């Protein structure tokens, strides 16, 4: 706890003393009994429950109700050069899986190529999550569109416990993406796999001269709500940085309670709790992304973990901050994030 407090610096007091506008008693929160308490009353089959149990039961956070996932699909999403040039060892896909294993992650998420090449050696050692769609940036001019790169059946055949997908809510192609992913998630559940949805926003109108509302609590919260509607079992979302996207862009429908302190304040934990509220009040776990690598990755990753945990979230899915460093440093960074979820002194606000 002292090390975490030291890393947070002058942000520690505002994070640890905050009380949320929406009380924790109204939410379904992570815990060792999360699957029994939340999922056994759902329509998920026993095989899906087993897949969820594998995710929540593996690694250093196994049995706590929290998860720590290593995602490496940036070779497509951002380009291999932008992703792996800082640490070329990760051009070799086996090193991606080795990092997840060594760091005690709950699962490793990657592309069909990466997981397909390593499946026979590692799929029984750490849960695989196959990301089935991607946005590739080799098309010129670039466009924001998630297209299918893999099938649900390929995920099942390689022994994956879950499939992952992205929808760019708000984009021109979002309607098609929602339908494609909904069908894929239905098939994944039929085959006994869990589902994880990257609920991201893409629309130039969401970025104004004043703020980037792609990370606003109200817009990302609604993206989460659409994601759980198509039966995502876990929601991945960026950590919110502001609020008021609906009012700034002047579209859609919202309510004053989202902005007047009734449901949400400007505090980062409140903003994240509003995201969680839209995940069926926490019945569907919320994992926040770790973001790009920078100068203060360890402190920033711990900050994100503290915000997510205190808001009632289920963990982090952290990639670039770890794999763009030397192997040992990446392992230690992931373990530092996990220590936030293992520390009982860090409570839910």
Protein backbone atom coordinates (compact mmCIF):
# COMPACT_ATOMS: atom_id res chain seq x y z
CA UNK A 1 0.00 0.00 0.00
CA UNK A 2 2.83 2.40 0.78
CA UNK A 3 4.38 1.77 -2.64
CA UNK A 4 1.02 2.34 -4.36
CA UNK A 5 0.50 5.56 -2.42
CA UNK A 6 4.00 6.70 -3.35
CA UNK A 7 3.35 6.05 -7.04
CA UNK A 8 0.06 7.97 -6.92
CA UNK A 9 1.75 10.98 -5.31
CA UNK A 10 -0.56 13.96 -4.84
CA UNK A 11 -3.40 12.03 -6.48
CA UNK A 12 -3.59 9.48 -3.64
CA UNK A 13 -5.71 11.50 -1.23
CA UNK A 14 -8.45 12.37 -3.74
CA UNK A 15 -8.64 8.75 -4.86
CA UNK A 16 -8.69 7.03 -1.47
CA UNK A 17 -11.03 9.50 0.26
CA UNK A 18 -13.66 9.74 -2.47
CA UNK A 19 -17.27 8.66 -1.89
CA UNK A 20 -19.29 7.97 -5.03
CA UNK A 21 -22.60 9.59 -5.91
CA UNK A 22 -24.06 6.15 -6.71
CA UNK A 23 -23.56 3.97 -3.65
CA UNK A 24 -21.81 0.62 -3.83
CA UNK A 25 -24.83 -1.08 -2.24
CA UNK A 26 -26.75 -0.62 -5.50
CA UNK A 27 -24.18 -2.56 -7.56
CA UNK A 28 -23.16 -6.15 -8.21
CA UNK A 29 -19.51 -6.05 -7.25
CA UNK A 30 -16.55 -8.36 -7.91
CA UNK A 31 -15.80 -11.10 -5.39
CA UNK A 32 -14.82 -14.77 -5.15
CA UNK A 33 -18.49 -15.75 -5.61
CA UNK A 34 -19.13 -13.45 -8.59
CA UNK A 35 -20.02 -16.21 -11.07
CA UNK A 36 -22.34 -18.00 -8.62
CA UNK A 37 -23.93 -14.76 -7.48
CA UNK A 38 -24.48 -13.17 -10.90
CA UNK A 39 -24.19 -15.64 -13.75
CA UNK A 40 -25.89 -18.84 -12.58
CA UNK A 41 -29.29 -17.16 -12.93
CA UNK A 42 -28.61 -16.19 -16.55
CA UNK A 43 -29.19 -18.06 -19.80
CA UNK A 44 -25.45 -18.87 -20.09
CA UNK A 45 -24.82 -22.60 -20.44
CA UNK A 46 -22.74 -24.64 -18.02
CA UNK A 47 -19.92 -24.61 -20.57
CA UNK A 48 -19.96 -20.79 -20.73
CA UNK A 49 -19.92 -20.68 -16.93
CA UNK A 50 -16.89 -22.96 -17.06
CA UNK A 51 -15.18 -20.60 -19.50
CA UNK A 52 -15.91 -17.61 -17.25
CA UNK A 53 -14.60 -19.60 -14.30
CA UNK A 54 -11.36 -20.23 -16.23
CA UNK A 55 -10.92 -16.49 -16.81
CA UNK A 56 -11.72 -15.54 -13.23
CA UNK A 57 -9.81 -18.47 -11.76
CA UNK A 58 -6.42 -18.21 -13.49
CA UNK A 59 -3.26 -16.33 -12.59
CA UNK A 60 -2.32 -14.12 -9.69
CA UNK A 61 -5.88 -12.77 -9.38
CA UNK A 62 -7.52 -16.19 -9.61
CA UNK A 63 -10.41 -16.60 -7.19
CA UNK A 64 -10.67 -12.92 -6.28
CA UNK A 65 -13.37 -11.85 -8.77
CA UNK A 66 -10.84 -9.68 -10.61
CA UNK A 67 -9.06 -10.31 -13.90
CA UNK A 68 -5.82 -9.15 -15.52
CA UNK A 69 -5.59 -9.66 -19.29
CA UNK A 70 -2.68 -9.07 -21.66
CA UNK A 71 -4.04 -7.86 -25.03
CA UNK A 72 -1.75 -7.76 -28.06
CA UNK A 73 -3.67 -7.02 -31.24
CA UNK A 74 -1.94 -3.70 -31.87
CA UNK A 75 0.15 -5.18 -34.70
CA UNK A 76 -3.02 -4.88 -36.78
CA UNK A 77 -4.79 -2.06 -34.99
CA UNK A 78 -1.77 0.30 -34.96
CA UNK A 79 0.77 -1.46 -37.27
CA UNK A 80 3.49 -3.94 -36.36
CA UNK A 81 6.18 -1.25 -36.57
CA UNK A 82 4.41 1.13 -34.21
CA UNK A 83 3.74 -1.71 -31.78
CA UNK A 84 6.87 -3.85 -31.77
CA UNK A 85 9.75 -1.61 -32.87
CA UNK A 86 10.29 -0.47 -29.24
CA UNK A 87 10.83 -4.14 -28.28
CA UNK A 88 11.34 -6.36 -31.36
CA UNK A 89 11.19 -9.62 -29.39
CA UNK A 90 7.40 -9.38 -29.62
CA UNK A 91 7.43 -9.82 -33.38
CA UNK A 92 7.69 -13.47 -32.28
CA UNK A 93 4.19 -14.41 -31.05
CA UNK A 94 5.43 -16.97 -28.52
CA UNK A 95 6.98 -14.16 -26.48
CA UNK A 96 3.55 -12.51 -26.20
CA UNK A 97 2.13 -15.64 -24.57
CA UNK A 98 5.22 -16.08 -22.42
CA UNK A 99 4.78 -12.56 -21.04
CA UNK A 100 1.17 -13.30 -20.05
CA UNK A 101 2.17 -16.57 -18.37
CA UNK A 102 5.15 -15.11 -16.52
CA UNK A 103 3.12 -12.12 -15.29
CA UNK A 104 0.37 -14.36 -13.91
CA UNK A 105 -2.33 -12.96 -16.18
CA UNK A 106 -5.88 -14.30 -16.24
CA UNK A 107 -5.75 -14.64 -20.03
CA UNK A 108 -3.93 -13.58 -23.17
CA UNK A 109 -5.85 -11.89 -25.98
CA UNK A 110 -4.50 -11.68 -29.51
CA UNK A 111 -5.06 -12.32 -33.19
CA UNK A 112 -5.78 -15.51 -35.09
CA UNK A 113 -2.17 -15.60 -36.31
CA UNK A 114 -0.58 -15.16 -32.87
CA UNK A 115 -2.78 -17.59 -30.97
CA UNK A 116 -2.98 -20.09 -33.82
CA UNK A 117 0.82 -20.45 -33.89
CA UNK A 118 1.04 -21.02 -30.13
CA UNK A 119 -2.18 -22.89 -29.35
CA UNK A 120 -0.90 -26.47 -29.01
CA UNK A 121 1.86 -25.38 -26.65
CA UNK A 122 -0.02 -22.88 -24.49
CA UNK A 123 -3.83 -23.05 -24.78
CA UNK A 124 -3.96 -25.53 -21.88
CA UNK A 125 -1.62 -23.37 -19.77
CA UNK A 126 -3.37 -19.99 -19.93
CA UNK A 127 -6.86 -19.05 -21.19
CA UNK A 128 -6.86 -17.83 -24.79
CA UNK A 129 -9.17 -15.04 -25.96
CA UNK A 130 -9.26 -14.82 -29.75
CA UNK A 131 -9.93 -11.31 -31.08
CA UNK A 132 -12.04 -11.98 -34.18
CA UNK A 133 -12.24 -8.50 -35.76
CA UNK A 134 -9.83 -5.63 -36.29
CA UNK A 135 -9.38 -2.20 -37.84
CA UNK A 136 -6.41 -2.34 -40.23
CA UNK A 137 -4.58 0.85 -41.12
CA UNK A 138 -2.95 -0.13 -44.42
CA UNK A 139 -5.97 1.03 -46.42
CA UNK A 140 -5.40 4.60 -47.65
CA UNK A 141 -6.97 6.85 -46.67
CA UNK A 142 -7.45 5.23 -43.27
CA UNK A 143 -10.97 4.44 -42.17
CA UNK A 144 -12.56 3.39 -38.89
CA UNK A 145 -14.13 0.01 -39.54
CA UNK A 146 -13.80 -3.26 -37.65
CA UNK A 147 -13.87 -6.19 -40.06
CA UNK A 148 -13.83 -9.93 -39.34
CA UNK A 149 -10.42 -11.60 -39.48
CA UNK A 150 -11.41 -14.90 -37.84
CA UNK A 151 -14.41 -17.09 -37.15
CA UNK A 152 -15.85 -18.20 -33.83
CA UNK A 153 -15.29 -21.80 -34.89
CA UNK A 154 -11.56 -21.17 -35.26
CA UNK A 155 -11.48 -19.86 -31.69
CA UNK A 156 -13.25 -22.97 -30.44
CA UNK A 157 -11.02 -25.34 -32.41
CA UNK A 158 -7.81 -23.84 -30.98
CA UNK A 159 -9.15 -24.21 -27.42
CA UNK A 160 -9.94 -20.57 -26.67
CA UNK A 161 -12.19 -19.96 -23.67
CA UNK A 162 -13.54 -16.68 -25.07
CA UNK A 163 -13.81 -14.51 -28.16
CA UNK A 164 -13.20 -10.80 -28.20
CA UNK A 165 -14.51 -8.20 -30.65
CA UNK A 166 -14.71 -4.45 -31.11
CA UNK A 167 -17.62 -2.28 -32.15
CA UNK A 168 -16.91 1.33 -33.13
CA UNK A 169 -20.12 2.80 -31.80
CA UNK A 170 -21.03 6.04 -33.54
CA UNK A 171 -19.13 5.19 -36.73
CA UNK A 172 -20.67 4.93 -40.19
CA UNK A 173 -20.33 1.13 -40.10
CA UNK A 174 -21.48 0.61 -36.51
CA UNK A 175 -24.82 -0.90 -37.52
CA UNK A 176 -23.16 -3.68 -39.50
CA UNK A 177 -20.57 -4.24 -36.77
CA UNK A 178 -23.26 -4.58 -34.08
CA UNK A 179 -25.08 -7.20 -36.13
CA UNK A 180 -21.90 -9.13 -36.97
CA UNK A 181 -20.71 -9.18 -33.38
CA UNK A 182 -24.16 -10.07 -32.02
CA UNK A 183 -24.25 -13.13 -34.30
CA UNK A 184 -20.67 -14.06 -33.37
CA UNK A 185 -21.41 -13.78 -29.65
CA UNK A 186 -24.50 -15.94 -30.06
CA UNK A 187 -22.39 -18.61 -31.75
CA UNK A 188 -19.65 -18.33 -29.14
CA UNK A 189 -22.18 -18.96 -26.38
CA UNK A 190 -23.56 -21.94 -28.29
CA UNK A 191 -20.04 -23.43 -28.36
CA UNK A 192 -19.47 -22.70 -24.66
CA UNK A 193 -17.14 -19.72 -24.91
CA UNK A 194 -17.38 -16.41 -23.07
CA UNK A 195 -17.51 -13.04 -24.85
CA UNK A 196 -15.58 -9.79 -24.35
CA UNK A 197 -16.51 -6.58 -26.18
CA UNK A 198 -14.29 -3.57 -26.81
CA UNK A 199 -16.95 -0.81 -26.64
CA UNK A 200 -15.11 2.00 -28.41
CA UNK A 201 -16.41 5.20 -29.98
CA UNK A 202 -15.43 6.53 -33.41
CA UNK A 203 -16.90 9.69 -34.89
CA UNK A 204 -15.12 12.92 -35.80
CA UNK A 205 -18.04 14.87 -34.36
CA UNK A 206 -17.23 13.50 -30.89
CA UNK A 207 -14.00 15.53 -30.83
CA UNK A 208 -14.50 19.28 -30.43
CA UNK A 209 -11.88 22.05 -30.20
CA UNK A 210 -12.35 21.99 -26.41
CA UNK A 211 -12.40 18.27 -25.56
CA UNK A 212 -12.26 14.76 -26.95
CA UNK A 213 -15.61 13.24 -26.01
CA UNK A 214 -14.61 9.79 -27.23
CA UNK A 215 -13.68 9.33 -23.56
CA UNK A 216 -16.71 11.00 -21.99
CA UNK A 217 -18.59 9.07 -19.32
CA UNK A 218 -22.01 9.61 -20.88
CA UNK A 219 -21.08 8.44 -24.40
CA UNK A 220 -18.88 5.54 -23.29
CA UNK A 221 -21.53 4.58 -20.75
CA UNK A 222 -24.12 4.26 -23.51
CA UNK A 223 -21.64 2.26 -25.61
CA UNK A 224 -21.31 -0.11 -22.65
CA UNK A 225 -25.08 -0.38 -22.42
CA UNK A 226 -25.28 -1.34 -26.09
CA UNK A 227 -22.50 -3.86 -25.53
CA UNK A 228 -24.22 -5.71 -22.71
CA UNK A 229 -27.40 -5.72 -24.81
CA UNK A 230 -25.74 -8.03 -27.35
CA UNK A 231 -24.62 -10.29 -24.46
CA UNK A 232 -21.04 -9.34 -23.87
CA UNK A 233 -19.96 -11.15 -20.69
CA UNK A 234 -17.17 -8.64 -20.04
CA UNK A 235 -16.93 -5.04 -21.26
CA UNK A 236 -13.64 -3.39 -22.15
CA UNK A 237 -13.73 0.39 -22.10
CA UNK A 238 -11.28 3.27 -22.00
CA UNK A 239 -11.00 5.08 -18.68
CA UNK A 240 -13.30 8.13 -18.88
CA UNK A 241 -11.68 11.56 -18.79
CA UNK A 242 -14.67 13.91 -18.98
CA UNK A 243 -18.44 14.05 -19.24
CA UNK A 244 -21.05 15.88 -21.29
CA UNK A 245 -20.52 14.39 -24.73
CA UNK A 246 -24.23 14.35 -25.50
CA UNK A 247 -24.68 18.01 -24.56
CA UNK A 248 -21.50 19.22 -26.27
CA UNK A 249 -22.19 17.46 -29.56
CA UNK A 250 -25.89 18.28 -29.22
CA UNK A 251 -27.41 14.98 -30.28
CA UNK A 252 -29.21 11.99 -28.81
CA UNK A 253 -31.06 11.83 -25.52
CA UNK A 254 -29.72 12.11 -21.99
CA UNK A 255 -30.85 13.33 -18.57
CA UNK A 256 -29.74 16.08 -16.14
CA UNK A 257 -29.01 13.52 -13.40
CA UNK A 258 -26.00 12.34 -15.41
CA UNK A 259 -24.37 15.75 -14.93
CA UNK A 260 -25.78 17.38 -11.78
CA UNK A 261 -24.11 15.09 -9.23
CA UNK A 262 -27.05 12.72 -8.78
CA UNK A 263 -25.42 9.92 -10.78
CA UNK A 264 -22.03 11.34 -11.60
CA UNK A 265 -19.56 14.06 -10.66
CA UNK A 266 -16.35 15.07 -12.43
CA UNK A 267 -14.28 12.79 -10.20
CA UNK A 268 -12.60 9.99 -12.17
CA UNK A 269 -14.04 7.30 -9.88
CA UNK A 270 -17.56 8.68 -10.35
CA UNK A 271 -17.08 8.83 -14.11
CA UNK A 272 -15.98 5.20 -14.13
CA UNK A 273 -18.82 4.16 -11.83
CA UNK A 274 -21.26 5.62 -14.35
CA UNK A 275 -19.64 3.38 -16.98
CA UNK A 276 -20.17 0.43 -14.62
CA UNK A 277 -23.78 1.42 -13.94
CA UNK A 278 -24.39 0.99 -17.67
CA UNK A 279 -22.97 -2.56 -17.48
CA UNK A 280 -26.24 -3.70 -15.87
CA UNK A 281 -25.13 -2.21 -12.53
CA UNK A 282 -22.00 -4.36 -12.51
CA UNK A 283 -23.59 -7.68 -13.44
CA UNK A 284 -21.30 -7.57 -16.48
CA UNK A 285 -17.72 -6.91 -15.44
CA UNK A 286 -16.02 -3.68 -16.55
CA UNK A 287 -12.33 -3.81 -17.41
CA UNK A 288 -10.58 -0.59 -18.37
CA UNK A 289 -7.76 -0.40 -20.90
CA UNK A 290 -4.23 0.54 -19.93
CA UNK A 291 -3.68 3.00 -22.77
CA UNK A 292 -0.57 3.93 -24.70
CA UNK A 293 2.95 3.65 -23.35
CA UNK A 294 4.53 6.87 -22.07
CA UNK A 295 7.04 8.31 -19.59
CA UNK A 296 5.26 7.35 -16.36
CA UNK A 297 3.76 3.99 -17.24
CA UNK A 298 4.01 2.37 -13.81
CA UNK A 299 2.36 5.26 -11.99
CA UNK A 300 -0.27 5.71 -14.70
CA UNK A 301 -1.12 1.99 -14.74
CA UNK A 302 -1.48 1.89 -10.95
CA UNK A 303 -3.66 5.01 -11.09
CA UNK A 304 -5.97 3.40 -13.66
CA UNK A 305 -6.18 0.24 -11.54
CA UNK A 306 -7.08 2.18 -8.39
CA UNK A 307 -9.79 4.13 -10.23
CA UNK A 308 -11.22 0.97 -11.78
CA UNK A 309 -11.20 -1.00 -8.52
CA UNK A 310 -12.65 1.77 -6.36
CA UNK A 311 -15.38 2.35 -8.97
CA UNK A 312 -16.36 -1.32 -8.76
CA UNK A 313 -14.68 -2.52 -11.95
CA UNK A 314 -13.30 -6.01 -12.53
CA UNK A 315 -9.73 -5.31 -13.58
CA UNK A 316 -7.45 -4.04 -16.33
CA UNK A 317 -6.59 -5.17 -19.84
CA UNK A 318 -3.13 -3.72 -20.28
CA UNK A 319 -0.85 -4.20 -23.27
CA UNK A 320 1.47 -1.55 -24.66
CA UNK A 321 2.64 -0.31 -21.28
CA UNK A 322 3.97 -3.84 -20.68
CA UNK A 323 5.13 -5.31 -23.99
CA UNK A 324 6.90 -2.17 -25.20
CA UNK A 325 9.35 -2.59 -22.33
CA UNK A 326 12.06 -5.15 -21.62
CA UNK A 327 10.46 -8.49 -20.68
CA UNK A 328 11.24 -8.30 -16.96
CA UNK A 329 10.00 -4.72 -16.66
CA UNK A 330 6.77 -5.66 -18.38
CA UNK A 331 6.22 -8.53 -15.97
CA UNK A 332 6.79 -6.28 -12.97
CA UNK A 333 4.44 -3.60 -14.28
CA UNK A 334 1.61 -6.11 -14.74
CA UNK A 335 2.23 -7.52 -11.26
CA UNK A 336 2.16 -4.00 -9.79
CA UNK A 337 -1.30 -3.51 -11.29
CA UNK A 338 -2.41 -6.87 -9.91
CA UNK A 339 -1.21 -5.81 -6.46
CA UNK A 340 -3.87 -3.08 -6.44
CA UNK A 341 -6.61 -5.69 -6.76
CA UNK A 342 -4.98 -7.97 -4.17
CA UNK A 343 -4.60 -5.18 -1.59
CA UNK A 344 -7.57 -5.32 0.80
CA UNK A 345 -6.83 -1.81 2.04
CA UNK A 346 -7.94 -0.46 -1.36
CA UNK A 347 -11.69 -0.69 -1.02
CA UNK A 348 -14.64 0.00 -3.31
CA UNK A 349 -15.79 3.60 -2.94
